[in-house]
């Protein structure tokens, strides 16, 4: 079994919100390095007050962010 490194917190954020920020930063960085890219970000409310964030950049990545992870 291999060790999987734990990602560092993003500016004090945690969970799905931090994962979404890391992914958006990766998409932006790689796109700028490449020279051009197309990206869209959408969000909608789901059951239980969660936000479903979808980042589309070649592939779609979904993040279900609970209300208690939102920045205050």
Protein backbone atom coordinates (compact mmCIF):
# COMPACT_ATOMS: atom_id res chain seq x y z
CA UNK A 1 0.00 0.00 0.00
CA UNK A 2 1.44 3.38 -0.95
CA UNK A 3 1.25 6.51 1.12
CA UNK A 4 -0.91 9.24 -0.38
CA UNK A 5 0.23 12.71 0.65
CA UNK A 6 -2.35 14.85 2.36
CA UNK A 7 -2.83 18.11 0.45
CA UNK A 8 -1.90 21.24 2.34
CA UNK A 9 -4.79 23.43 3.48
CA UNK A 10 -5.63 26.28 1.13
CA UNK A 11 -5.57 29.59 3.00
CA UNK A 12 -7.20 27.99 6.03
CA UNK A 13 -9.96 26.26 4.05
CA UNK A 14 -10.72 22.55 4.28
CA UNK A 15 -12.63 19.72 2.70
CA UNK A 16 -14.37 19.99 -0.66
CA UNK A 17 -14.02 23.77 -0.71
CA UNK A 18 -10.22 23.50 -0.44
CA UNK A 19 -10.16 20.75 -3.09
CA UNK A 20 -12.18 22.95 -5.46
CA UNK A 21 -9.79 25.88 -4.94
CA UNK A 22 -6.77 23.65 -5.62
CA UNK A 23 -8.40 22.30 -8.78
CA UNK A 24 -9.32 25.77 -10.08
CA UNK A 25 -5.77 26.96 -9.43
CA UNK A 26 -4.40 23.93 -11.32
CA UNK A 27 -6.72 24.54 -14.31
CA UNK A 28 -5.75 28.22 -14.43
CA UNK A 29 -2.02 27.56 -14.06
CA UNK A 30 -1.94 24.83 -16.70
CA UNK A 31 -4.09 26.88 -19.09
CA UNK A 32 -1.87 29.94 -18.79
CA UNK A 33 1.24 27.80 -19.25
CA UNK A 34 -0.29 26.24 -22.37
CA UNK A 35 -1.26 29.63 -23.78
CA UNK A 36 -5.02 29.24 -24.15
CA UNK A 37 -7.85 27.36 -22.51
CA UNK A 38 -11.59 27.30 -21.99
CA UNK A 39 -13.07 26.86 -18.54
CA UNK A 40 -16.50 27.28 -16.98
CA UNK A 41 -17.60 27.15 -13.36
CA UNK A 42 -21.21 26.66 -12.31
CA UNK A 43 -22.83 26.23 -8.92
CA UNK A 44 -26.26 25.20 -7.75
CA UNK A 45 -27.90 24.40 -4.42
CA UNK A 46 -28.66 20.76 -3.65
CA UNK A 47 -30.44 18.99 -0.81
CA UNK A 48 -29.27 19.84 2.68
CA UNK A 49 -27.87 23.24 1.74
CA UNK A 50 -24.86 21.84 -0.12
CA UNK A 51 -23.47 23.64 -3.11
CA UNK A 52 -22.63 21.54 -6.15
CA UNK A 53 -19.75 23.27 -7.89
CA UNK A 54 -18.88 22.03 -11.37
CA UNK A 55 -15.60 23.00 -13.02
CA UNK A 56 -15.48 22.21 -16.75
CA UNK A 57 -12.09 22.38 -18.43
CA UNK A 58 -11.77 19.48 -20.83
CA UNK A 59 -13.34 17.21 -18.20
CA UNK A 60 -16.00 18.02 -15.62
CA UNK A 61 -15.11 17.90 -11.94
CA UNK A 62 -17.87 18.10 -9.32
CA UNK A 63 -17.44 19.28 -5.77
CA UNK A 64 -20.26 19.00 -3.21
CA UNK A 65 -19.51 21.70 -0.65
CA UNK A 66 -21.39 21.58 2.66
CA UNK A 67 -22.56 24.88 4.11
CA UNK A 68 -20.21 24.57 7.10
CA UNK A 69 -17.17 24.63 4.75
CA UNK A 70 -18.13 27.95 3.16
CA UNK A 71 -15.95 30.94 4.02
CA UNK A 72 -17.50 33.37 6.47
